Amino acid sequence: MNIEGGQCTWDFMSITFDDGTGTGVICGNNIPPPGVFSGPGPCVVQFTSDNGVTLPGFQLEYVITPDDLCIGNLCENDSECIQDDSDPRGYTCYCPAGITGDFCQSDIDECAEGFCENGICENFFPGFTCECAPFFTGDSCNLELDACFTRNAPCNLTGTDFCESLDPFLFQPPFLCNCKAGYFPDDCGISICDTENPCRNGNCFVSSQGDARCRCNSNETGSWIGQSCDVFEVSTNPGMRTFLTTLIIAAGSIALYFILSYCYKRGQVILKQHSGDDQPDTVNQHHDQFHSGPRDRSLPRVHVFKQ
């Protein structure tokens, strides 16, 4: 029997796969069998016999594997099966929210895992509910309705004009710090003095116009002046000024001491200035006159009265 490029004495067969590949002709008298063949399905197995019954025919063993490995999968709870060559099963189950496990067979306790951030949590299968506290919203109560209040002044107090709460579904973080002139976002905690400090010998401060200004340093010998405190102006005779100040204070203290001592010992002192036309002073009739005889009218006279 002549068969397409070969001679088969008895029955023969061929296997053709979907991509056109195949085994070619396999004669029934080939011992041992030619091997194992595989290819993409569907496949066509063709047998040809000589109608003889005196000799044995073929014994064929085959395994058919479907292209879609997810057919007949074990994924549970409406999970999605995806073919996965790295998984020994040939597929992976992708679970919906609230479910876990190799086949999506187990519940996740969201309450125990802290899914409810700012509210009262209740777990069920599958999923959970969260009853939000005031000023919070969202499935997990993680969105702030008034972030300027709930975050306890998120903006820098020194540099912020006012804090504005925003829609938490549209903006994160849900607040905006409106900065004063000379201060910068995000929290208005950086000023122009931090980035452009011009003061070399003084302290920088932000003016109401947002400019960086300087308060210059000074000491007993002089002062720093100029917009940047970079020029030193020496005080006039600082040593003499200090000496005179000390001398005046000391002299005043000594004079006061003697006056108080004299008054304490002698009584009350009255100073009177007389001109040439003045009449002589009359001494209190109940006291002795301190002066008797001619007087020098060009000088002040002092009368002392005993208390």
Protein backbone atom coordinates (compact mmCIF):
# COMPACT_ATOMS: atom_id res chain seq x y z
CA MET A 1 0.00 0.00 0.00
CA ASN A 2 1.62 3.23 -1.15
CA ILE A 3 0.78 6.14 1.21
CA GLU A 4 2.09 9.67 0.41
CA GLY A 5 5.78 9.29 0.68
CA GLY A 6 5.81 6.10 2.73
CA GLN A 7 4.90 2.43 2.72
CA CYS A 8 2.49 1.11 5.34
CA THR A 9 1.89 -2.66 5.42
CA TRP A 10 -1.19 -2.44 7.62
CA ASP A 11 -3.59 0.25 8.84
CA PHE A 12 -2.39 3.87 9.18
CA MET A 13 -3.56 7.13 10.75
CA SER A 14 -2.87 10.88 10.86
CA ILE A 15 -3.55 13.78 13.31
CA THR A 16 -4.02 17.33 12.05
CA PHE A 17 -4.21 20.32 14.42
CA ASP A 18 -6.06 23.60 14.01
CA ASP A 19 -2.96 25.56 12.98
CA GLY A 20 -2.21 23.12 10.13
CA THR A 21 0.49 21.20 11.89
CA GLY A 22 0.17 17.49 12.54
CA THR A 23 1.77 14.10 12.70
CA GLY A 24 1.66 13.11 9.08
CA VAL A 25 1.06 9.44 8.28
CA ILE A 26 1.58 6.98 11.11
CA CYS A 27 1.73 3.35 10.05
CA GLY A 28 0.15 0.70 12.20
CA ASN A 29 3.21 -1.56 11.97
CA ASN A 30 5.54 1.03 13.58
CA ILE A 31 6.87 -0.38 16.80
CA PRO A 32 7.44 1.33 19.19
CA PRO A 33 4.80 4.09 18.77
CA PRO A 34 6.16 7.30 17.21
CA GLY A 35 5.68 9.44 20.37
CA VAL A 36 3.39 12.07 21.87
CA PHE A 37 1.98 14.85 19.73
CA SER A 38 0.31 18.08 20.86
CA GLY A 39 -1.08 21.20 19.27
CA PRO A 40 -3.92 23.73 19.48
CA GLY A 41 -7.42 22.37 19.01
CA PRO A 42 -9.65 21.49 17.52
CA CYS A 43 -7.81 18.55 15.97
CA VAL A 44 -8.75 15.91 13.39
CA VAL A 45 -7.77 12.25 13.88
CA GLN A 46 -8.09 10.16 10.66
CA PHE A 47 -7.82 6.33 10.51
CA THR A 48 -7.41 4.29 7.32
CA SER A 49 -7.76 0.51 7.39
CA ASP A 50 -7.13 -2.27 4.87
CA ASN A 51 -10.13 -4.11 6.26
CA GLY A 52 -7.92 -6.92 7.45
CA VAL A 53 -8.84 -8.65 10.66
CA THR A 54 -5.92 -11.01 11.12
CA LEU A 55 -3.53 -8.44 12.60
CA PRO A 56 -4.01 -5.94 15.49
CA GLY A 57 -4.82 -2.27 14.76
CA PHE A 58 -4.18 0.95 16.70
CA GLN A 59 -4.47 1.82 20.37
CA LEU A 60 -4.81 5.62 20.79
CA GLU A 61 -4.57 7.49 24.11
CA TYR A 62 -5.32 11.23 24.11
CA VAL A 63 -6.07 14.15 26.48
CA ILE A 64 -8.13 17.13 25.33
CA THR A 65 -7.51 20.36 27.25
CA PRO A 66 -9.93 23.22 26.55
CA ASP A 67 -8.53 26.58 25.47
CA ASP A 68 -10.47 28.44 28.23
CA LEU A 69 -9.10 27.10 31.52
CA CYS A 70 -11.79 29.00 33.43
CA ILE A 71 -14.45 26.63 32.08
CA GLY A 72 -15.59 24.68 35.11
CA ASN A 73 -13.57 26.86 37.54
CA LEU A 74 -14.17 26.82 41.31
CA CYS A 75 -14.37 30.59 41.89
CA GLU A 76 -17.20 31.55 44.26
CA ASN A 77 -19.36 34.56 45.15
CA ASP A 78 -19.49 36.15 41.70
CA SER A 79 -15.70 36.41 41.53
CA GLU A 80 -13.96 36.73 38.18
CA CYS A 81 -11.81 33.95 36.75
CA ILE A 82 -8.71 35.00 34.83
CA GLN A 83 -6.35 32.52 33.13
CA ASP A 84 -2.97 32.60 34.86
CA ASP A 85 -0.03 30.48 33.69
CA SER A 86 1.80 31.14 36.98
CA ASP A 87 -0.98 29.44 38.99
CA PRO A 88 -0.90 25.63 39.15
CA ARG A 89 -4.62 25.61 38.40
CA GLY A 90 -4.08 27.66 35.26
CA TYR A 91 -6.36 30.46 36.51
CA THR A 92 -6.85 32.95 39.38
CA CYS A 93 -10.04 34.05 41.09
CA TYR A 94 -10.41 37.84 41.48
CA CYS A 95 -12.75 38.54 44.40
CA PRO A 96 -15.29 41.36 44.77
CA ALA A 97 -14.93 43.84 47.67
CA GLY A 98 -15.32 42.29 51.09
CA ILE A 99 -14.35 38.71 50.04
CA THR A 100 -11.03 36.86 50.09
CA GLY A 101 -9.56 33.36 49.68
CA ASP A 102 -8.12 31.31 46.79
CA PHE A 103 -11.63 30.76 45.48
CA CYS A 104 -13.19 33.92 47.01
CA GLN A 105 -14.93 31.84 49.59
CA SER A 106 -14.24 33.88 52.79
CA ASP A 107 -15.53 37.16 54.21
CA ILE A 108 -13.27 40.09 55.17
CA ASP A 109 -14.10 41.67 58.54
CA GLU A 110 -13.64 45.32 57.55
CA CYS A 111 -14.58 46.54 61.03
CA ALA A 112 -11.79 44.52 62.65
CA GLU A 113 -9.31 45.86 60.11
CA GLY A 114 -10.27 49.50 60.75
CA PHE A 115 -11.95 50.30 57.44
CA CYS A 116 -14.36 52.67 59.20
CA GLU A 117 -12.15 55.62 60.12
CA ASN A 118 -14.51 58.11 61.75
CA GLY A 119 -17.75 56.35 62.57
CA ILE A 120 -19.56 53.28 63.92
CA CYS A 121 -18.85 50.12 61.88
CA GLU A 122 -21.12 47.11 61.19
CA ASN A 123 -19.77 44.08 59.29
CA PHE A 124 -21.81 41.75 57.03
CA PHE A 125 -21.12 39.30 54.17
CA PRO A 126 -19.90 40.66 51.93
CA GLY A 127 -19.03 44.23 52.96
CA PHE A 128 -19.73 46.62 55.81
CA THR A 129 -21.54 49.84 56.69
CA CYS A 130 -20.14 52.86 58.49
CA GLU A 131 -22.27 55.42 60.31
CA CYS A 132 -20.21 58.59 60.11
CA ALA A 133 -19.51 61.02 62.93
CA PRO A 134 -20.41 64.71 62.42
CA PHE A 135 -18.32 66.54 59.79
CA PHE A 136 -17.33 63.25 58.03
CA THR A 137 -18.71 61.42 55.01
CA GLY A 138 -17.84 58.66 52.51
CA ASP A 139 -18.06 54.84 52.59
CA SER A 140 -15.33 54.69 55.24
CA CYS A 141 -16.14 58.09 56.82
CA ASN A 142 -12.72 59.26 55.70
CA LEU A 143 -13.80 62.46 53.93
CA GLU A 144 -13.93 65.71 55.89
CA LEU A 145 -16.83 68.08 55.35
CA ASP A 146 -15.13 70.93 57.26
CA ALA A 147 -11.39 70.23 57.26
CA CYS A 148 -10.51 73.65 58.69
CA PHE A 149 -12.44 72.63 61.81
CA THR A 150 -11.75 68.89 62.04
CA ARG A 151 -8.00 69.24 61.48
CA ASN A 152 -7.66 71.83 64.27
CA ALA A 153 -6.17 74.76 62.34
CA PRO A 154 -4.23 73.03 59.54
CA CYS A 155 -2.88 76.40 58.34
CA ASN A 156 -0.04 78.28 59.99
CA LEU A 157 -1.60 80.89 62.27
CA THR A 158 1.09 83.53 61.70
CA GLY A 159 0.99 83.50 57.92
CA THR A 160 -2.66 82.65 57.21
CA ASP A 161 -5.35 85.20 56.49
CA PHE A 162 -8.12 82.55 56.64
CA CYS A 163 -8.69 78.80 56.07
CA GLU A 164 -11.25 77.68 53.47
CA SER A 165 -12.85 74.19 53.58
CA LEU A 166 -13.35 72.54 50.16
CA ASP A 167 -15.52 69.75 48.74
CA PRO A 168 -13.84 66.50 49.91
CA PHE A 169 -15.15 64.60 46.86
CA LEU A 170 -13.30 66.97 44.52
CA PHE A 171 -10.23 68.14 46.45
CA GLN A 172 -7.63 66.42 48.61
CA PRO A 173 -6.66 67.76 51.02
CA PRO A 174 -10.11 69.38 51.29
CA PHE A 175 -8.98 72.80 52.50
CA LEU A 176 -7.12 75.86 51.24
CA CYS A 177 -4.89 78.16 53.26
CA ASN A 178 -5.25 81.74 52.03
CA CYS A 179 -1.93 83.31 52.95
CA LYS A 180 -1.10 86.85 54.00
CA ALA A 181 1.16 88.91 51.76
CA GLY A 182 4.71 87.66 52.08
CA TYR A 183 3.74 84.09 53.12
CA PHE A 184 3.55 81.02 50.91
CA PRO A 185 1.44 77.82 50.54
CA ASP A 186 0.67 75.12 51.26
CA ASP A 187 0.11 75.97 54.94
CA CYS A 188 1.43 79.58 54.81
CA GLY A 189 4.24 78.52 57.15
CA ILE A 190 7.07 79.93 54.99
CA SER A 191 7.63 83.67 54.75
CA ILE A 192 9.72 85.86 52.49
CA CYS A 193 12.13 86.24 55.42
CA ASP A 194 12.81 82.48 55.18
CA THR A 195 13.66 82.66 51.49
CA GLU A 196 15.06 86.19 51.00
CA ASN A 197 16.31 87.45 54.39
CA PRO A 198 18.12 90.78 53.70
CA CYS A 199 19.05 91.56 57.32
CA ARG A 200 22.77 91.15 58.06
CA ASN A 201 22.75 92.55 61.60
CA GLY A 202 19.15 92.52 62.70
CA ASN A 203 15.84 90.67 62.72
CA CYS A 204 13.69 90.25 59.62
CA PHE A 205 9.92 90.77 59.73
CA VAL A 206 7.18 90.78 57.09
CA SER A 207 5.52 94.13 56.51
CA SER A 208 1.82 94.54 55.85
CA GLN A 209 2.68 94.94 52.14
CA GLY A 210 4.47 91.56 52.15
CA ASP A 211 8.01 92.97 51.98
CA ALA A 212 10.95 91.78 54.06
CA ARG A 213 11.95 94.53 56.50
CA CYS A 214 14.72 94.74 59.13
CA ARG A 215 14.85 95.73 62.79
CA CYS A 216 18.53 96.62 63.22
CA ASN A 217 20.59 95.74 66.29
CA SER A 218 22.26 98.36 68.53
CA ASN A 219 24.50 98.52 71.63
CA GLU A 220 26.16 101.14 73.87
CA THR A 221 28.77 101.95 71.23
CA GLY A 222 26.38 102.53 68.31
CA SER A 223 23.69 101.16 66.00
CA TRP A 224 23.39 99.26 62.73
CA ILE A 225 21.46 101.23 60.12
CA GLY A 226 20.36 100.84 56.50
CA GLN A 227 17.74 98.68 54.81
CA SER A 228 19.89 95.61 55.36
CA CYS A 229 21.45 96.71 58.68
CA ASP A 230 24.87 96.64 56.99
CA VAL A 231 26.21 100.07 58.09
CA PHE A 232 27.41 100.70 61.68
CA GLU A 233 26.92 104.21 63.11
CA VAL A 234 29.09 104.96 66.13
CA SER A 235 27.52 107.02 68.96
CA THR A 236 29.11 110.54 69.67
CA ASN A 237 31.58 110.32 72.66
CA PRO A 238 29.93 107.27 74.12
CA GLY A 239 32.52 107.12 76.93
CA MET A 240 32.02 110.77 78.01
CA ARG A 241 28.25 110.39 77.89
CA THR A 242 28.41 107.39 80.16
CA PHE A 243 30.80 109.21 82.55
CA LEU A 244 28.60 112.32 82.79
CA THR A 245 25.48 110.27 83.37
CA THR A 246 27.16 108.38 86.17
CA LEU A 247 28.56 111.62 87.69
CA ILE A 248 25.15 113.35 87.71
CA ILE A 249 23.47 110.41 89.37
CA ALA A 250 26.19 110.19 92.02
CA ALA A 251 26.16 113.95 92.79
CA GLY A 252 22.40 114.02 93.07
CA SER A 253 22.44 111.10 95.47
CA ILE A 254 25.06 112.77 97.74
CA ALA A 255 23.22 116.11 97.82
CA LEU A 256 19.95 114.46 98.65
CA TYR A 257 21.58 112.56 101.48
CA PHE A 258 22.96 115.74 103.14
CA ILE A 259 19.71 117.68 102.76
CA LEU A 260 17.68 114.95 104.37
CA SER A 261 20.20 114.59 107.21
CA TYR A 262 20.22 118.33 107.91
CA CYS A 263 16.43 118.56 107.92
CA TYR A 264 16.17 115.65 110.27
CA LYS A 265 18.59 117.16 112.79
CA ARG A 266 17.64 120.89 112.74
CA GLY A 267 14.03 121.02 111.81
CA GLN A 268 12.24 122.66 108.94
CA VAL A 269 14.31 124.90 106.66
CA ILE A 270 12.70 127.85 104.85
CA LEU A 271 14.62 129.75 102.18
CA LYS A 272 13.46 133.22 101.32
CA GLN A 273 15.01 135.70 98.88
CA HIS A 274 14.74 139.42 99.80
CA SER A 275 15.29 142.45 97.60
CA GLY A 276 16.59 145.82 98.93
CA ASP A 277 13.07 147.23 99.39
CA ASP A 278 11.74 144.33 101.39
CA GLN A 279 10.78 144.84 104.99
CA PRO A 280 12.55 142.68 107.54
CA ASP A 281 10.87 139.34 108.07
CA THR A 282 8.93 138.90 111.24
CA VAL A 283 9.75 135.84 113.13
CA ASN A 284 6.96 133.80 114.62
CA GLN A 285 6.26 135.39 117.98
CA HIS A 286 6.37 132.06 119.71
CA HIS A 287 9.99 131.41 118.58
CA ASP A 288 13.32 133.12 118.98
CA GLN A 289 14.56 135.16 116.03
CA PHE A 290 17.53 133.51 114.47
CA HIS A 291 19.20 136.83 113.37
CA SER A 292 19.74 140.06 115.33
CA GLY A 293 21.55 143.20 114.22
CA PRO A 294 22.27 144.44 110.70
CA ARG A 295 21.60 142.11 107.80
CA ASP A 296 23.14 141.72 104.41
CA ARG A 297 20.11 142.13 102.15
CA SER A 298 21.99 140.91 99.06
CA LEU A 299 21.97 137.31 100.36
CA PRO A 300 19.10 135.01 101.15
CA ARG A 301 18.29 134.62 104.79
CA VAL A 302 17.63 131.30 106.47
CA HIS A 303 15.20 130.96 109.38
CA VAL A 304 15.05 127.73 111.36
CA PHE A 305 12.00 126.90 113.41
CA LYS A 306 11.93 124.12 115.93
CA GLN A 307 9.03 121.79 115.47
